[in-house]
Amino acid sequence: SYQAVGAFSPATDWGGMEPEERLGHGLPDMMELKTLLENDLAAG
């Protein structure tokens, strides 16, 4: 869908962080960026 992507100071890792501790509320299920990357590379 996209020719290019820009990530400015991105929050790349949500794992192991309790959202309520830092953000004050819960979050939806977040995608793991490394997993998405691995899937793309494996699929060519």
ModelCIF file with pLDDT and N, C-alpha, C, O atoms, coordinates in Angstrom:
data_MODEL
#
_entry.id   MODEL 
#
_entity.id                         1 
_entity.type                       polymer 
_entity.pdbx_number_of_molecules   1 
#
_entity_poly.entity_id                      1 
_entity_poly.type                           'polypeptide(L)' 
_entity_poly.nstd_linkage                   no 
_entity_poly.nstd_monomer                   no 
_entity_poly.pdbx_seq_one_letter_code       SYQAVGAFSPATDWGGMEPEERLGHGLPDMMELKTLLENDLAAG 
_entity_poly.pdbx_seq_one_letter_code_can   SYQAVGAFSPATDWGGMEPEERLGHGLPDMMELKTLLENDLAAG 
_entity_poly.pdbx_strand_id                 A 
#
loop_
_entity_poly_seq.entity_id 
_entity_poly_seq.num 
_entity_poly_seq.mon_id 
_entity_poly_seq.hetero 
1 1  SER n 
1 2  TYR n 
1 3  GLN n 
1 4  ALA n 
1 5  VAL n 
1 6  GLY n 
1 7  ALA n 
1 8  PHE n 
1 9  SER n 
1 10 PRO n 
1 11 ALA n 
1 12 THR n 
1 13 ASP n 
1 14 TRP n 
1 15 GLY n 
1 16 GLY n 
1 17 MET n 
1 18 GLU n 
1 19 PRO n 
1 20 GLU n 
1 21 GLU n 
1 22 ARG n 
1 23 LEU n 
1 24 GLY n 
1 25 HIS n 
1 26 GLY n 
1 27 LEU n 
1 28 PRO n 
1 29 ASP n 
1 30 MET n 
1 31 MET n 
1 32 GLU n 
1 33 LEU n 
1 34 LYS n 
1 35 THR n 
1 36 LEU n 
1 37 LEU n 
1 38 GLU n 
1 39 ASN n 
1 40 ASP n 
1 41 LEU n 
1 42 ALA n 
1 43 ALA n 
1 44 GLY n 
#
_struct_asym.id          A 
_struct_asym.entity_id   1 
#
loop_
_ma_qa_metric.id 
_ma_qa_metric.mode 
_ma_qa_metric.name 
_ma_qa_metric.software_group_id 
_ma_qa_metric.type 
1 global pLDDT . pLDDT 
2 local  pLDDT . pLDDT 
#
_ma_qa_metric_global.metric_id      1 
_ma_qa_metric_global.metric_value   82.09 
_ma_qa_metric_global.model_id       1 
_ma_qa_metric_global.ordinal_id     1 
#
loop_
_ma_qa_metric_local.label_asym_id 
_ma_qa_metric_local.label_comp_id 
_ma_qa_metric_local.label_seq_id 
_ma_qa_metric_local.metric_id 
_ma_qa_metric_local.metric_value 
_ma_qa_metric_local.model_id 
_ma_qa_metric_local.ordinal_id 
A SER 1  2 97.00 1 1  
A TYR 2  2 98.00 1 2  
A GLN 3  2 98.00 1 3  
A ALA 4  2 98.00 1 4  
A VAL 5  2 98.00 1 5  
A GLY 6  2 98.00 1 6  
A ALA 7  2 98.00 1 7  
A PHE 8  2 98.00 1 8  
A SER 9  2 98.00 1 9  
A PRO 10 2 97.00 1 10 
A ALA 11 2 94.00 1 11 
A THR 12 2 94.00 1 12 
A ASP 13 2 88.00 1 13 
A TRP 14 2 76.00 1 14 
A GLY 15 2 66.00 1 15 
A GLY 16 2 50.00 1 16 
A MET 17 2 50.00 1 17 
A GLU 18 2 49.00 1 18 
A PRO 19 2 46.00 1 19 
A GLU 20 2 46.00 1 20 
A GLU 21 2 46.00 1 21 
A ARG 22 2 49.00 1 22 
A LEU 23 2 54.00 1 23 
A GLY 24 2 56.00 1 24 
A HIS 25 2 59.00 1 25 
A GLY 26 2 66.00 1 26 
A LEU 27 2 72.00 1 27 
A PRO 28 2 73.00 1 28 
A ASP 29 2 79.00 1 29 
A MET 30 2 85.00 1 30 
A MET 31 2 87.00 1 31 
A GLU 32 2 92.00 1 32 
A LEU 33 2 95.00 1 33 
A LYS 34 2 95.00 1 34 
A THR 35 2 95.00 1 35 
A LEU 36 2 96.00 1 36 
A LEU 37 2 97.00 1 37 
A GLU 38 2 97.00 1 38 
A ASN 39 2 97.00 1 39 
A ASP 40 2 97.00 1 40 
A LEU 41 2 97.00 1 41 
A ALA 42 2 97.00 1 42 
A ALA 43 2 97.00 1 43 
A GLY 44 2 97.00 1 44 
#
loop_
_atom_site.group_PDB 
_atom_site.id 
_atom_site.type_symbol 
_atom_site.label_atom_id 
_atom_site.label_alt_id 
_atom_site.label_comp_id 
_atom_site.label_asym_id 
_atom_site.label_entity_id 
_atom_site.label_seq_id 
_atom_site.pdbx_PDB_ins_code 
_atom_site.Cartn_x 
_atom_site.Cartn_y 
_atom_site.Cartn_z 
_atom_site.occupancy 
_atom_site.B_iso_or_equiv 
_atom_site.pdbx_formal_charge 
_atom_site.auth_seq_id 
_atom_site.auth_comp_id 
_atom_site.auth_asym_id 
_atom_site.auth_atom_id 
_atom_site.pdbx_PDB_model_num 
ATOM 1   N N  . SER A 1 1  ? 0.804  -1.224  0.000  1.00 97.00 ? 1  SER A N  1 
ATOM 2   C CA . SER A 1 1  ? 0.000  0.000   0.000  1.00 97.00 ? 1  SER A CA 1 
ATOM 3   C C  . SER A 1 1  ? 0.835  1.271   0.000  1.00 97.00 ? 1  SER A C  1 
ATOM 4   O O  . SER A 1 1  ? 0.330  2.336   -0.358 1.00 97.00 ? 1  SER A O  1 
ATOM 5   N N  . TYR A 1 2  ? 2.104  1.185   0.394  1.00 98.00 ? 2  TYR A N  1 
ATOM 6   C CA . TYR A 1 2  ? 2.910  2.385   0.589  1.00 98.00 ? 2  TYR A CA 1 
ATOM 7   C C  . TYR A 1 2  ? 4.277  2.231   -0.081 1.00 98.00 ? 2  TYR A C  1 
ATOM 8   O O  . TYR A 1 2  ? 4.913  1.179   -0.018 1.00 98.00 ? 2  TYR A O  1 
ATOM 9   N N  . GLN A 1 3  ? 4.697  3.310   -0.717 1.00 98.00 ? 3  GLN A N  1 
ATOM 10  C CA . GLN A 1 3  ? 6.020  3.315   -1.335 1.00 98.00 ? 3  GLN A CA 1 
ATOM 11  C C  . GLN A 1 3  ? 7.117  3.557   -0.299 1.00 98.00 ? 3  GLN A C  1 
ATOM 12  O O  . GLN A 1 3  ? 8.232  3.055   -0.438 1.00 98.00 ? 3  GLN A O  1 
ATOM 13  N N  . ALA A 1 4  ? 6.793  4.330   0.742  1.00 98.00 ? 4  ALA A N  1 
ATOM 14  C CA . ALA A 1 4  ? 7.794  4.643   1.759  1.00 98.00 ? 4  ALA A CA 1 
ATOM 15  C C  . ALA A 1 4  ? 7.099  4.944   3.075  1.00 98.00 ? 4  ALA A C  1 
ATOM 16  O O  . ALA A 1 4  ? 5.928  5.322   3.119  1.00 98.00 ? 4  ALA A O  1 
ATOM 17  N N  . VAL A 1 5  ? 7.875  4.761   4.165  1.00 98.00 ? 5  VAL A N  1 
ATOM 18  C CA . VAL A 1 5  ? 7.353  4.996   5.510  1.00 98.00 ? 5  VAL A CA 1 
ATOM 19  C C  . VAL A 1 5  ? 8.383  5.795   6.303  1.00 98.00 ? 5  VAL A C  1 
ATOM 20  O O  . VAL A 1 5  ? 9.588  5.572   6.188  1.00 98.00 ? 5  VAL A O  1 
ATOM 21  N N  . GLY A 1 6  ? 7.883  6.733   7.112  1.00 98.00 ? 6  GLY A N  1 
ATOM 22  C CA . GLY A 1 6  ? 8.750  7.521   7.982  1.00 98.00 ? 6  GLY A CA 1 
ATOM 23  C C  . GLY A 1 6  ? 8.390  7.288   9.435  1.00 98.00 ? 6  GLY A C  1 
ATOM 24  O O  . GLY A 1 6  ? 7.223  7.399   9.813  1.00 98.00 ? 6  GLY A O  1 
ATOM 25  N N  . ALA A 1 7  ? 9.382  6.967   10.253 1.00 98.00 ? 7  ALA A N  1 
ATOM 26  C CA . ALA A 1 7  ? 9.154  6.702   11.676 1.00 98.00 ? 7  ALA A CA 1 
ATOM 27  C C  . ALA A 1 7  ? 10.027 7.649   12.493 1.00 98.00 ? 7  ALA A C  1 
ATOM 28  O O  . ALA A 1 7  ? 11.239 7.460   12.588 1.00 98.00 ? 7  ALA A O  1 
ATOM 29  N N  . PHE A 1 8  ? 9.406  8.661   13.079 1.00 98.00 ? 8  PHE A N  1 
ATOM 30  C CA . PHE A 1 8  ? 10.098 9.675   13.853 1.00 98.00 ? 8  PHE A CA 1 
ATOM 31  C C  . PHE A 1 8  ? 10.019 9.305   15.336 1.00 98.00 ? 8  PHE A C  1 
ATOM 32  O O  . PHE A 1 8  ? 8.936  9.314   15.922 1.00 98.00 ? 8  PHE A O  1 
ATOM 33  N N  . SER A 1 9  ? 11.151 8.983   15.936 1.00 98.00 ? 9  SER A N  1 
ATOM 34  C CA . SER A 1 9  ? 11.190 8.572   17.345 1.00 98.00 ? 9  SER A CA 1 
ATOM 35  C C  . SER A 1 9  ? 10.092 7.553   17.642 1.00 98.00 ? 9  SER A C  1 
ATOM 36  O O  . SER A 1 9  ? 9.297  7.759   18.558 1.00 98.00 ? 9  SER A O  1 
ATOM 37  N N  . PRO A 1 10 ? 10.036 6.467   16.891 1.00 97.00 ? 10 PRO A N  1 
ATOM 38  C CA . PRO A 1 10 ? 8.894  5.551   16.991 1.00 97.00 ? 10 PRO A CA 1 
ATOM 39  C C  . PRO A 1 10 ? 8.941  4.686   18.250 1.00 97.00 ? 10 PRO A C  1 
ATOM 40  O O  . PRO A 1 10 ? 10.012 4.324   18.737 1.00 97.00 ? 10 PRO A O  1 
ATOM 41  N N  . ALA A 1 11 ? 7.762  4.369   18.756 1.00 94.00 ? 11 ALA A N  1 
ATOM 42  C CA . ALA A 1 11 ? 7.635  3.424   19.873 1.00 94.00 ? 11 ALA A CA 1 
ATOM 43  C C  . ALA A 1 11 ? 7.653  2.024   19.276 1.00 94.00 ? 11 ALA A C  1 
ATOM 44  O O  . ALA A 1 11 ? 6.600  1.446   19.007 1.00 94.00 ? 11 ALA A O  1 
ATOM 45  N N  . THR A 1 12 ? 8.847  1.481   19.070 1.00 94.00 ? 12 THR A N  1 
ATOM 46  C CA . THR A 1 12 ? 8.985  0.241   18.298 1.00 94.00 ? 12 THR A CA 1 
ATOM 47  C C  . THR A 1 12 ? 8.734  -1.019  19.108 1.00 94.00 ? 12 THR A C  1 
ATOM 48  O O  . THR A 1 12 ? 8.527  -2.087  18.530 1.00 94.00 ? 12 THR A O  1 
ATOM 49  N N  . ASP A 1 13 ? 8.747  -0.923  20.438 1.00 88.00 ? 13 ASP A N  1 
ATOM 50  C CA . ASP A 1 13 ? 8.636  -2.127  21.259 1.00 88.00 ? 13 ASP A CA 1 
ATOM 51  C C  . ASP A 1 13 ? 7.667  -1.889  22.410 1.00 88.00 ? 13 ASP A C  1 
ATOM 52  O O  . ASP A 1 13 ? 7.964  -1.150  23.348 1.00 88.00 ? 13 ASP A O  1 
ATOM 53  N N  . TRP A 1 14 ? 6.482  -2.539  22.319 1.00 76.00 ? 14 TRP A N  1 
ATOM 54  C CA . TRP A 1 14 ? 5.479  -2.428  23.377 1.00 76.00 ? 14 TRP A CA 1 
ATOM 55  C C  . TRP A 1 14 ? 5.529  -3.625  24.318 1.00 76.00 ? 14 TRP A C  1 
ATOM 56  O O  . TRP A 1 14 ? 4.832  -3.642  25.333 1.00 76.00 ? 14 TRP A O  1 
ATOM 57  N N  . GLY A 1 15 ? 6.337  -4.614  24.000 1.00 66.00 ? 15 GLY A N  1 
ATOM 58  C CA . GLY A 1 15 ? 6.393  -5.817  24.811 1.00 66.00 ? 15 GLY A CA 1 
ATOM 59  C C  . GLY A 1 15 ? 7.010  -5.562  26.179 1.00 66.00 ? 15 GLY A C  1 
ATOM 60  O O  . GLY A 1 15 ? 7.988  -4.824  26.303 1.00 66.00 ? 15 GLY A O  1 
ATOM 61  N N  . GLY A 1 16 ? 6.439  -6.171  27.191 1.00 50.00 ? 16 GLY A N  1 
ATOM 62  C CA . GLY A 1 16 ? 6.987  -6.077  28.536 1.00 50.00 ? 16 GLY A CA 1 
ATOM 63  C C  . GLY A 1 16 ? 6.665  -4.795  29.259 1.00 50.00 ? 16 GLY A C  1 
ATOM 64  O O  . GLY A 1 16 ? 7.074  -4.617  30.406 1.00 50.00 ? 16 GLY A O  1 
ATOM 65  N N  . MET A 1 17 ? 5.930  -3.878  28.610 1.00 50.00 ? 17 MET A N  1 
ATOM 66  C CA . MET A 1 17 ? 5.583  -2.623  29.255 1.00 50.00 ? 17 MET A CA 1 
ATOM 67  C C  . MET A 1 17 ? 4.132  -2.652  29.676 1.00 50.00 ? 17 MET A C  1 
ATOM 68  O O  . MET A 1 17 ? 3.257  -2.962  28.868 1.00 50.00 ? 17 MET A O  1 
ATOM 69  N N  . GLU A 1 18 ? 3.868  -2.339  30.906 1.00 49.00 ? 18 GLU A N  1 
ATOM 70  C CA . GLU A 1 18 ? 2.494  -2.225  31.367 1.00 49.00 ? 18 GLU A CA 1 
ATOM 71  C C  . GLU A 1 18 ? 1.971  -0.855  30.966 1.00 49.00 ? 18 GLU A C  1 
ATOM 72  O O  . GLU A 1 18 ? 2.430  0.149   31.512 1.00 49.00 ? 18 GLU A O  1 
ATOM 73  N N  . PRO A 1 19 ? 1.026  -0.774  30.032 1.00 46.00 ? 19 PRO A N  1 
ATOM 74  C CA . PRO A 1 19 ? 0.586  0.529   29.538 1.00 46.00 ? 19 PRO A CA 1 
ATOM 75  C C  . PRO A 1 19 ? 0.120  1.464   30.645 1.00 46.00 ? 19 PRO A C  1 
ATOM 76  O O  . PRO A 1 19 ? 0.368  2.668   30.586 1.00 46.00 ? 19 PRO A O  1 
ATOM 77  N N  . GLU A 1 20 ? -0.559 0.914   31.664 1.00 46.00 ? 20 GLU A N  1 
ATOM 78  C CA . GLU A 1 20 ? -1.093 1.772   32.709 1.00 46.00 ? 20 GLU A CA 1 
ATOM 79  C C  . GLU A 1 20 ? 0.024  2.472   33.478 1.00 46.00 ? 20 GLU A C  1 
ATOM 80  O O  . GLU A 1 20 ? -0.179 3.567   34.002 1.00 46.00 ? 20 GLU A O  1 
ATOM 81  N N  . GLU A 1 21 ? 1.201  1.849   33.550 1.00 46.00 ? 21 GLU A N  1 
ATOM 82  C CA . GLU A 1 21 ? 2.287  2.434   34.322 1.00 46.00 ? 21 GLU A CA 1 
ATOM 83  C C  . GLU A 1 21 ? 2.809  3.713   33.674 1.00 46.00 ? 21 GLU A C  1 
ATOM 84  O O  . GLU A 1 21 ? 3.147  4.672   34.369 1.00 46.00 ? 21 GLU A O  1 
ATOM 85  N N  . ARG A 1 22 ? 2.875  3.725   32.346 1.00 49.00 ? 22 ARG A N  1 
ATOM 86  C CA . ARG A 1 22 ? 3.443  4.882   31.660 1.00 49.00 ? 22 ARG A CA 1 
ATOM 87  C C  . ARG A 1 22 ? 2.375  5.768   31.029 1.00 49.00 ? 22 ARG A C  1 
ATOM 88  O O  . ARG A 1 22 ? 2.517  6.991   31.024 1.00 49.00 ? 22 ARG A O  1 
ATOM 89  N N  . LEU A 1 23 ? 1.329  5.187   30.508 1.00 54.00 ? 23 LEU A N  1 
ATOM 90  C CA . LEU A 1 23 ? 0.368  5.948   29.727 1.00 54.00 ? 23 LEU A CA 1 
ATOM 91  C C  . LEU A 1 23 ? -0.916 6.266   30.474 1.00 54.00 ? 23 LEU A C  1 
ATOM 92  O O  . LEU A 1 23 ? -1.683 7.126   30.041 1.00 54.00 ? 23 LEU A O  1 
ATOM 93  N N  . GLY A 1 24 ? -1.161 5.595   31.577 1.00 56.00 ? 24 GLY A N  1 
ATOM 94  C CA . GLY A 1 24 ? -2.338 5.905   32.368 1.00 56.00 ? 24 GLY A CA 1 
ATOM 95  C C  . GLY A 1 24 ? -3.607 5.224   31.907 1.00 56.00 ? 24 GLY A C  1 
ATOM 96  O O  . GLY A 1 24 ? -4.683 5.530   32.421 1.00 56.00 ? 24 GLY A O  1 
ATOM 97  N N  . HIS A 1 25 ? -3.519 4.309   30.954 1.00 59.00 ? 25 HIS A N  1 
ATOM 98  C CA . HIS A 1 25 ? -4.706 3.609   30.462 1.00 59.00 ? 25 HIS A CA 1 
ATOM 99  C C  . HIS A 1 25 ? -4.271 2.368   29.698 1.00 59.00 ? 25 HIS A C  1 
ATOM 100 O O  . HIS A 1 25 ? -3.087 2.192   29.410 1.00 59.00 ? 25 HIS A O  1 
ATOM 101 N N  . GLY A 1 26 ? -5.213 1.525   29.376 1.00 66.00 ? 26 GLY A N  1 
ATOM 102 C CA . GLY A 1 26 ? -4.914 0.334   28.604 1.00 66.00 ? 26 GLY A CA 1 
ATOM 103 C C  . GLY A 1 26 ? -4.813 0.612   27.123 1.00 66.00 ? 26 GLY A C  1 
ATOM 104 O O  . GLY A 1 26 ? -5.188 1.686   26.653 1.00 66.00 ? 26 GLY A O  1 
ATOM 105 N N  . LEU A 1 27 ? -4.305 -0.358  26.390 1.00 72.00 ? 27 LEU A N  1 
ATOM 106 C CA . LEU A 1 27 ? -4.154 -0.249  24.945 1.00 72.00 ? 27 LEU A CA 1 
ATOM 107 C C  . LEU A 1 27 ? -4.770 -1.474  24.287 1.00 72.00 ? 27 LEU A C  1 
ATOM 108 O O  . LEU A 1 27 ? -4.929 -2.506  24.939 1.00 72.00 ? 27 LEU A O  1 
ATOM 109 N N  . PRO A 1 28 ? -5.122 -1.381  23.002 1.00 73.00 ? 28 PRO A N  1 
ATOM 110 C CA . PRO A 1 28 ? -5.540 -2.583  22.270 1.00 73.00 ? 28 PRO A CA 1 
ATOM 111 C C  . PRO A 1 28 ? -4.367 -3.542  22.136 1.00 73.00 ? 28 PRO A C  1 
ATOM 112 O O  . PRO A 1 28 ? -3.247 -3.225  22.537 1.00 73.00 ? 28 PRO A O  1 
ATOM 113 N N  . ASP A 1 29 ? -4.626 -4.703  21.575 1.00 79.00 ? 29 ASP A N  1 
ATOM 114 C CA . ASP A 1 29 ? -3.535 -5.619  21.248 1.00 79.00 ? 29 ASP A CA 1 
ATOM 115 C C  . ASP A 1 29 ? -2.660 -4.966  20.187 1.00 79.00 ? 29 ASP A C  1 
ATOM 116 O O  . ASP A 1 29 ? -3.139 -4.588  19.118 1.00 79.00 ? 29 ASP A O  1 
ATOM 117 N N  . MET A 1 30 ? -1.383 -4.840  20.491 1.00 85.00 ? 30 MET A N  1 
ATOM 118 C CA . MET A 1 30 ? -0.448 -4.168  19.591 1.00 85.00 ? 30 MET A CA 1 
ATOM 119 C C  . MET A 1 30 ? 0.308  -5.201  18.753 1.00 85.00 ? 30 MET A C  1 
ATOM 120 O O  . MET A 1 30 ? 0.684  -6.260  19.256 1.00 85.00 ? 30 MET A O  1 
ATOM 121 N N  . MET A 1 31 ? 0.525  -4.892  17.487 1.00 87.00 ? 31 MET A N  1 
ATOM 122 C CA . MET A 1 31 ? 1.289  -5.772  16.614 1.00 87.00 ? 31 MET A CA 1 
ATOM 123 C C  . MET A 1 31 ? 2.775  -5.686  16.948 1.00 87.00 ? 31 MET A C  1 
ATOM 124 O O  . MET A 1 31 ? 3.278  -4.617  17.294 1.00 87.00 ? 31 MET A O  1 
ATOM 125 N N  . GLU A 1 32 ? 3.468  -6.807  16.842 1.00 92.00 ? 32 GLU A N  1 
ATOM 126 C CA . GLU A 1 32 ? 4.910  -6.834  17.044 1.00 92.00 ? 32 GLU A CA 1 
ATOM 127 C C  . GLU A 1 32 ? 5.600  -6.513  15.711 1.00 92.00 ? 32 GLU A C  1 
ATOM 128 O O  . GLU A 1 32 ? 5.460  -7.252  14.737 1.00 92.00 ? 32 GLU A O  1 
ATOM 129 N N  . LEU A 1 33 ? 6.339  -5.413  15.684 1.00 95.00 ? 33 LEU A N  1 
ATOM 130 C CA . LEU A 1 33 ? 6.956  -4.978  14.437 1.00 95.00 ? 33 LEU A CA 1 
ATOM 131 C C  . LEU A 1 33 ? 7.952  -6.000  13.901 1.00 95.00 ? 33 LEU A C  1 
ATOM 132 O O  . LEU A 1 33 ? 8.024  -6.218  12.692 1.00 95.00 ? 33 LEU A O  1 
ATOM 133 N N  . LYS A 1 34 ? 8.718  -6.628  14.785 1.00 95.00 ? 34 LYS A N  1 
ATOM 134 C CA . LYS A 1 34 ? 9.699  -7.614  14.328 1.00 95.00 ? 34 LYS A CA 1 
ATOM 135 C C  . LYS A 1 34 ? 9.014  -8.837  13.715 1.00 95.00 ? 34 LYS A C  1 
ATOM 136 O O  . LYS A 1 34 ? 9.521  -9.426  12.760 1.00 95.00 ? 34 LYS A O  1 
ATOM 137 N N  . THR A 1 35 ? 7.881  -9.207  14.260 1.00 95.00 ? 35 THR A N  1 
ATOM 138 C CA . THR A 1 35 ? 7.126  -10.331 13.683 1.00 95.00 ? 35 THR A CA 1 
ATOM 139 C C  . THR A 1 35 ? 6.603  -9.979  12.306 1.00 95.00 ? 35 THR A C  1 
ATOM 140 O O  . THR A 1 35 ? 6.675  -10.792 11.384 1.00 95.00 ? 35 THR A O  1 
ATOM 141 N N  . LEU A 1 36 ? 6.070  -8.758  12.157 1.00 96.00 ? 36 LEU A N  1 
ATOM 142 C CA . LEU A 1 36 ? 5.596  -8.309  10.845 1.00 96.00 ? 36 LEU A CA 1 
ATOM 143 C C  . LEU A 1 36 ? 6.744  -8.325  9.836  1.00 96.00 ? 36 LEU A C  1 
ATOM 144 O O  . LEU A 1 36 ? 6.577  -8.761  8.697  1.00 96.00 ? 36 LEU A O  1 
ATOM 145 N N  . LEU A 1 37 ? 7.900  -7.848  10.266 1.00 97.00 ? 37 LEU A N  1 
ATOM 146 C CA . LEU A 1 37 ? 9.065  -7.824  9.386  1.00 97.00 ? 37 LEU A CA 1 
ATOM 147 C C  . LEU A 1 37 ? 9.471  -9.233  8.974  1.00 97.00 ? 37 LEU A C  1 
ATOM 148 O O  . LEU A 1 37 ? 9.726  -9.492  7.797  1.00 97.00 ? 37 LEU A O  1 
ATOM 149 N N  . GLU A 1 38 ? 9.532  -10.138 9.937  1.00 97.00 ? 38 GLU A N  1 
ATOM 150 C CA . GLU A 1 38 ? 9.897  -11.520 9.636  1.00 97.00 ? 38 GLU A CA 1 
ATOM 151 C C  . GLU A 1 38 ? 8.919  -12.150 8.656  1.00 97.00 ? 38 GLU A C  1 
ATOM 152 O O  . GLU A 1 38 ? 9.328  -12.866 7.742  1.00 97.00 ? 38 GLU A O  1 
ATOM 153 N N  . ASN A 1 39 ? 7.633  -11.889 8.839  1.00 97.00 ? 39 ASN A N  1 
ATOM 154 C CA . ASN A 1 39 ? 6.620  -12.450 7.939  1.00 97.00 ? 39 ASN A CA 1 
ATOM 155 C C  . ASN A 1 39 ? 6.787  -11.924 6.520  1.00 97.00 ? 39 ASN A C  1 
ATOM 156 O O  . ASN A 1 39 ? 6.668  -12.682 5.557  1.00 97.00 ? 39 ASN A O  1 
ATOM 157 N N  . ASP A 1 40 ? 7.063  -10.626 6.388  1.00 97.00 ? 40 ASP A N  1 
ATOM 158 C CA . ASP A 1 40 ? 7.261  -10.041 5.062  1.00 97.00 ? 40 ASP A CA 1 
ATOM 159 C C  . ASP A 1 40 ? 8.472  -10.656 4.363  1.00 97.00 ? 40 ASP A C  1 
ATOM 160 O O  . ASP A 1 40 ? 8.414  -11.008 3.185  1.00 97.00 ? 40 ASP A O  1 
ATOM 161 N N  . LEU A 1 41 ? 9.555  -10.776 5.101  1.00 97.00 ? 41 LEU A N  1 
ATOM 162 C CA . LEU A 1 41 ? 10.777 -11.320 4.505  1.00 97.00 ? 41 LEU A CA 1 
ATOM 163 C C  . LEU A 1 41 ? 10.605 -12.789 4.130  1.00 97.00 ? 41 LEU A C  1 
ATOM 164 O O  . LEU A 1 41 ? 11.079 -13.232 3.084  1.00 97.00 ? 41 LEU A O  1 
ATOM 165 N N  . ALA A 1 42 ? 9.923  -13.538 4.995  1.00 97.00 ? 42 ALA A N  1 
ATOM 166 C CA . ALA A 1 42 ? 9.701  -14.957 4.700  1.00 97.00 ? 42 ALA A CA 1 
ATOM 167 C C  . ALA A 1 42 ? 8.822  -15.134 3.467  1.00 97.00 ? 42 ALA A C  1 
ATOM 168 O O  . ALA A 1 42 ? 8.984  -16.099 2.720  1.00 97.00 ? 42 ALA A O  1 
ATOM 169 N N  . ALA A 1 43 ? 7.890  -14.203 3.253  1.00 97.00 ? 43 ALA A N  1 
ATOM 170 C CA . ALA A 1 43 ? 6.988  -14.277 2.098  1.00 97.00 ? 43 ALA A CA 1 
ATOM 171 C C  . ALA A 1 43 ? 7.594  -13.648 0.849  1.00 97.00 ? 43 ALA A C  1 
ATOM 172 O O  . ALA A 1 43 ? 6.983  -13.674 -0.220 1.00 97.00 ? 43 ALA A O  1 
ATOM 173 N N  . GLY A 1 44 ? 8.779  -13.089 0.977  1.00 97.00 ? 44 GLY A N  1 
ATOM 174 C CA . GLY A 1 44 ? 9.432  -12.470 -0.168 1.00 97.00 ? 44 GLY A CA 1 
ATOM 175 C C  . GLY A 1 44 ? 8.786  -11.185 -0.632 1.00 97.00 ? 44 GLY A C  1 
ATOM 176 O O  . GLY A 1 44 ? 9.251  -10.571 -1.592 1.00 97.00 ? 44 GLY A O  1 
#
